[in-house]
Amino acid sequence: MEKKKEFTYRGKKIEELKSLDVREFAKYLKSRARRTVLRQFHEIEKFINRAKEKIEKNKPIKTHQRDLIIVPEMVGMRIHIHNGKNFTPVNIVEEMLGHRLGEFALTRGKIKHGVAGVGATKGTRAKAKK
C-alpha cells in the first residue's frame, strides 16, 4: 500500500505555515504574489477574521474580493466567490496557496455547441429565403 506524500510548500509543512503571520508567509511566495500580500496584508487579515466569525455562526463565507492571495489560514475553508453572476463555492486546499481567489471561480461558462440554425449552412440556405 502506497503512503500518501505529505504536502509541503517551499519545504515547509502546512502546520508550520499556519503558525506564520501573513507577512512572514509572504517571504515564501513568488515575487508578484509577495508584493501583493505585503501591500494588502491588512485586507487579508480582515477577511480571515470575518471568515472565522462566519464559521462560528455557521454562515457561508461570501466574497467579491477575487484578487485576494490564498494564505495558509484559509486552508480548509469553504468560500463562496462571486463570478459576476452568482457565488461559486470553493473548498480551499493546500495546493491553492499563493494563487488568487478569482482563479477558482470562472467568469465565463463552458460553451455548449448545438445544432447549426436555419440558414447557417449551404443546405438550409434555400429554406431561409422562403
C-alpha atoms as a PDB file:
ATOM      1  CA  MET A   1       0.000   0.000   0.000  1.00  0.00           C
ATOM      2  CA  GLU A   2       1.355   3.410  -1.014  1.00  0.00           C
ATOM      3  CA  LYS A   3       1.786   6.065   1.632  1.00  0.00           C
ATOM      4  CA  LYS A   4       0.314   9.462   0.721  1.00  0.00           C
ATOM      5  CA  LYS A   5       3.012  12.086   0.329  1.00  0.00           C
ATOM      6  CA  GLU A   6       2.717  14.891   2.871  1.00  0.00           C
ATOM      7  CA  PHE A   7       2.145  18.354   1.386  1.00  0.00           C
ATOM      8  CA  THR A   8       4.966  20.887   1.639  1.00  0.00           C
ATOM      9  CA  TYR A   9       5.171  24.425   0.296  1.00  0.00           C
ATOM     10  CA  ARG A  10       8.720  25.623  -0.315  1.00  0.00           C
ATOM     11  CA  GLY A  11       9.946  22.934   2.101  1.00  0.00           C
ATOM     12  CA  LYS A  12       7.563  23.875   4.943  1.00  0.00           C
ATOM     13  CA  LYS A  13       4.715  21.690   6.207  1.00  0.00           C
ATOM     14  CA  ILE A  14       1.201  23.153   6.369  1.00  0.00           C
ATOM     15  CA  GLU A  15       1.253  23.229  10.201  1.00  0.00           C
ATOM     16  CA  GLU A  16       4.414  25.363  10.159  1.00  0.00           C
ATOM     17  CA  LEU A  17       2.892  27.705   7.559  1.00  0.00           C
ATOM     18  CA  LYS A  18      -0.343  28.132   9.549  1.00  0.00           C
ATOM     19  CA  SER A  19       1.676  29.315  12.558  1.00  0.00           C
ATOM     20  CA  LEU A  20       3.252  32.117  10.466  1.00  0.00           C
ATOM     21  CA  ASP A  21       1.925  35.674  10.228  1.00  0.00           C
ATOM     22  CA  VAL A  22       0.594  36.738   6.810  1.00  0.00           C
ATOM     23  CA  ARG A  23       3.655  38.949   6.229  1.00  0.00           C
ATOM     24  CA  GLU A  24       6.034  36.167   7.291  1.00  0.00           C
ATOM     25  CA  PHE A  25       4.318  33.769   4.863  1.00  0.00           C
ATOM     26  CA  ALA A  26       4.836  36.350   2.085  1.00  0.00           C
ATOM     27  CA  LYS A  27       8.577  35.557   2.170  1.00  0.00           C
ATOM     28  CA  TYR A  28       7.817  32.108   0.701  1.00  0.00           C
ATOM     29  CA  LEU A  29       5.720  33.419  -2.220  1.00  0.00           C
ATOM     30  CA  LYS A  30       6.890  34.308  -5.699  1.00  0.00           C
ATOM     31  CA  SER A  31       7.665  37.978  -6.313  1.00  0.00           C
ATOM     32  CA  ARG A  32       4.315  39.174  -7.741  1.00  0.00           C
ATOM     33  CA  ALA A  33       2.230  37.465  -5.049  1.00  0.00           C
ATOM     34  CA  ARG A  34       4.692  38.598  -2.331  1.00  0.00           C
ATOM     35  CA  ARG A  35       4.377  42.211  -3.414  1.00  0.00           C
ATOM     36  CA  THR A  36       0.557  41.959  -3.393  1.00  0.00           C
ATOM     37  CA  VAL A  37       0.439  40.333   0.061  1.00  0.00           C
ATOM     38  CA  LEU A  38       2.796  42.883   1.574  1.00  0.00           C
ATOM     39  CA  ARG A  39       0.682  45.728   0.168  1.00  0.00           C
ATOM     40  CA  GLN A  40      -2.706  44.332   1.219  1.00  0.00           C
ATOM     41  CA  PHE A  41      -1.919  42.187   4.287  1.00  0.00           C
ATOM     42  CA  HIS A  42      -4.435  44.179   6.363  1.00  0.00           C
ATOM     43  CA  GLU A  43      -7.223  43.293   3.876  1.00  0.00           C
ATOM     44  CA  ILE A  44      -6.275  39.602   4.015  1.00  0.00           C
ATOM     45  CA  GLU A  45      -6.244  39.616   7.834  1.00  0.00           C
ATOM     46  CA  LYS A  46      -9.608  41.415   7.919  1.00  0.00           C
ATOM     47  CA  PHE A  47     -11.055  38.812   5.521  1.00  0.00           C
ATOM     48  CA  ILE A  48      -9.744  35.920   7.650  1.00  0.00           C
ATOM     49  CA  ASN A  49     -11.176  37.419  10.861  1.00  0.00           C
ATOM     50  CA  ARG A  50     -14.560  37.976   9.203  1.00  0.00           C
ATOM     51  CA  ALA A  51     -14.478  34.422   7.789  1.00  0.00           C
ATOM     52  CA  LYS A  52     -13.769  32.927  11.237  1.00  0.00           C
ATOM     53  CA  GLU A  53     -16.744  34.838  12.689  1.00  0.00           C
ATOM     54  CA  LYS A  54     -18.992  33.485   9.915  1.00  0.00           C
ATOM     55  CA  ILE A  55     -17.745  29.933  10.528  1.00  0.00           C
ATOM     56  CA  GLU A  56     -18.686  30.240  14.214  1.00  0.00           C
ATOM     57  CA  LYS A  57     -22.219  31.336  13.217  1.00  0.00           C
ATOM     58  CA  ASN A  58     -22.468  28.529  10.582  1.00  0.00           C
ATOM     59  CA  LYS A  59     -22.971  31.079   7.785  1.00  0.00           C
ATOM     60  CA  PRO A  60     -21.406  30.773   4.316  1.00  0.00           C
ATOM     61  CA  ILE A  61     -18.366  32.945   3.640  1.00  0.00           C
ATOM     62  CA  LYS A  62     -19.263  35.055   0.604  1.00  0.00           C
ATOM     63  CA  THR A  63     -16.899  37.497  -1.062  1.00  0.00           C
ATOM     64  CA  HIS A  64     -16.465  39.664  -4.139  1.00  0.00           C
ATOM     65  CA  GLN A  65     -12.710  40.000  -3.472  1.00  0.00           C
ATOM     66  CA  ARG A  66     -11.348  37.890  -6.310  1.00  0.00           C
ATOM     67  CA  ASP A  67      -7.863  39.424  -6.047  1.00  0.00           C
ATOM     68  CA  LEU A  68      -7.002  38.130  -2.540  1.00  0.00           C
ATOM     69  CA  ILE A  69      -3.989  35.820  -2.359  1.00  0.00           C
ATOM     70  CA  ILE A  70      -4.728  32.498  -0.632  1.00  0.00           C
ATOM     71  CA  VAL A  71      -2.720  32.162   2.607  1.00  0.00           C
ATOM     72  CA  PRO A  72      -2.358  29.111   4.925  1.00  0.00           C
ATOM     73  CA  GLU A  73      -5.021  30.310   7.399  1.00  0.00           C
ATOM     74  CA  MET A  74      -7.637  29.969   4.624  1.00  0.00           C
ATOM     75  CA  VAL A  75      -6.861  26.276   4.022  1.00  0.00           C
ATOM     76  CA  GLY A  76      -9.861  24.132   4.899  1.00  0.00           C
ATOM     77  CA  MET A  77     -12.400  26.941   4.487  1.00  0.00           C
ATOM     78  CA  ARG A  78     -15.303  26.815   2.028  1.00  0.00           C
ATOM     79  CA  ILE A  79     -15.515  30.247   0.401  1.00  0.00           C
ATOM     80  CA  HIS A  80     -18.267  31.371  -1.983  1.00  0.00           C
ATOM     81  CA  ILE A  81     -16.550  33.579  -4.588  1.00  0.00           C
ATOM     82  CA  HIS A  82     -18.572  35.879  -6.838  1.00  0.00           C
ATOM     83  CA  ASN A  83     -18.036  35.263 -10.548  1.00  0.00           C
ATOM     84  CA  GLY A  84     -20.016  38.255 -11.811  1.00  0.00           C
ATOM     85  CA  LYS A  85     -23.371  36.477 -11.808  1.00  0.00           C
ATOM     86  CA  ASN A  86     -23.536  34.242  -8.741  1.00  0.00           C
ATOM     87  CA  PHE A  87     -21.387  32.857  -5.920  1.00  0.00           C
ATOM     88  CA  THR A  88     -19.314  29.757  -6.710  1.00  0.00           C
ATOM     89  CA  PRO A  89     -18.467  27.580  -3.661  1.00  0.00           C
ATOM     90  CA  VAL A  90     -14.769  26.708  -3.494  1.00  0.00           C
ATOM     91  CA  ASN A  91     -13.043  24.444  -0.948  1.00  0.00           C
ATOM     92  CA  ILE A  92      -9.588  25.866  -0.229  1.00  0.00           C
ATOM     93  CA  VAL A  93      -6.856  23.181  -0.249  1.00  0.00           C
ATOM     94  CA  GLU A  94      -3.074  23.314   0.267  1.00  0.00           C
ATOM     95  CA  GLU A  95      -2.261  23.333  -3.459  1.00  0.00           C
ATOM     96  CA  MET A  96      -4.038  26.702  -3.847  1.00  0.00           C
ATOM     97  CA  LEU A  97      -1.517  28.592  -1.670  1.00  0.00           C
ATOM     98  CA  GLY A  98      -0.174  31.686  -3.413  1.00  0.00           C
ATOM     99  CA  HIS A  99      -2.966  31.779  -6.007  1.00  0.00           C
ATOM    100  CA  ARG A 100      -5.795  34.309  -6.130  1.00  0.00           C
ATOM    101  CA  LEU A 101      -9.384  33.500  -5.166  1.00  0.00           C
ATOM    102  CA  GLY A 102     -10.677  34.526  -8.601  1.00  0.00           C
ATOM    103  CA  GLU A 103      -8.701  31.781 -10.334  1.00  0.00           C
ATOM    104  CA  PHE A 104     -11.074  29.194  -8.889  1.00  0.00           C
ATOM    105  CA  ALA A 105     -14.399  30.884  -9.722  1.00  0.00           C
ATOM    106  CA  LEU A 106     -14.543  31.043 -13.515  1.00  0.00           C
ATOM    107  CA  THR A 107     -16.325  34.056 -15.002  1.00  0.00           C
ATOM    108  CA  ARG A 108     -17.019  32.516 -18.404  1.00  0.00           C
ATOM    109  CA  GLY A 109     -19.191  29.446 -18.691  1.00  0.00           C
ATOM    110  CA  LYS A 110     -18.373  26.371 -20.697  1.00  0.00           C
ATOM    111  CA  ILE A 111     -19.609  26.630 -24.307  1.00  0.00           C
ATOM    112  CA  LYS A 112     -22.126  24.015 -25.391  1.00  0.00           C
ATOM    113  CA  HIS A 113     -22.399  23.997 -29.168  1.00  0.00           C
ATOM    114  CA  GLY A 114     -25.761  22.901 -30.508  1.00  0.00           C
ATOM    115  CA  VAL A 115     -27.050  22.249 -33.995  1.00  0.00           C
ATOM    116  CA  ALA A 116     -26.475  24.886 -36.685  1.00  0.00           C
ATOM    117  CA  GLY A 117     -29.504  27.132 -37.197  1.00  0.00           C
ATOM    118  CA  VAL A 118     -31.576  27.552 -40.359  1.00  0.00           C
ATOM    119  CA  GLY A 119     -29.533  29.464 -42.948  1.00  0.00           C
ATOM    120  CA  ALA A 120     -26.208  28.722 -41.273  1.00  0.00           C
ATOM    121  CA  THR A 121     -25.223  26.011 -43.757  1.00  0.00           C
ATOM    122  CA  LYS A 122     -25.486  25.736 -47.540  1.00  0.00           C
ATOM    123  CA  GLY A 123     -28.102  23.000 -47.235  1.00  0.00           C
ATOM    124  CA  THR A 124     -30.503  25.162 -45.238  1.00  0.00           C
ATOM    125  CA  ARG A 125     -29.915  28.411 -47.138  1.00  0.00           C
ATOM    126  CA  ALA A 126     -32.834  27.710 -49.503  1.00  0.00           C
ATOM    127  CA  LYS A 127     -35.198  27.258 -46.555  1.00  0.00           C
ATOM    128  CA  ALA A 128     -34.147  30.598 -45.091  1.00  0.00           C
ATOM    129  CA  LYS A 129     -35.010  32.551 -48.310  1.00  0.00           C
ATOM    130  CA  LYS A 130     -38.619  31.350 -48.424  1.00  0.00           C
END
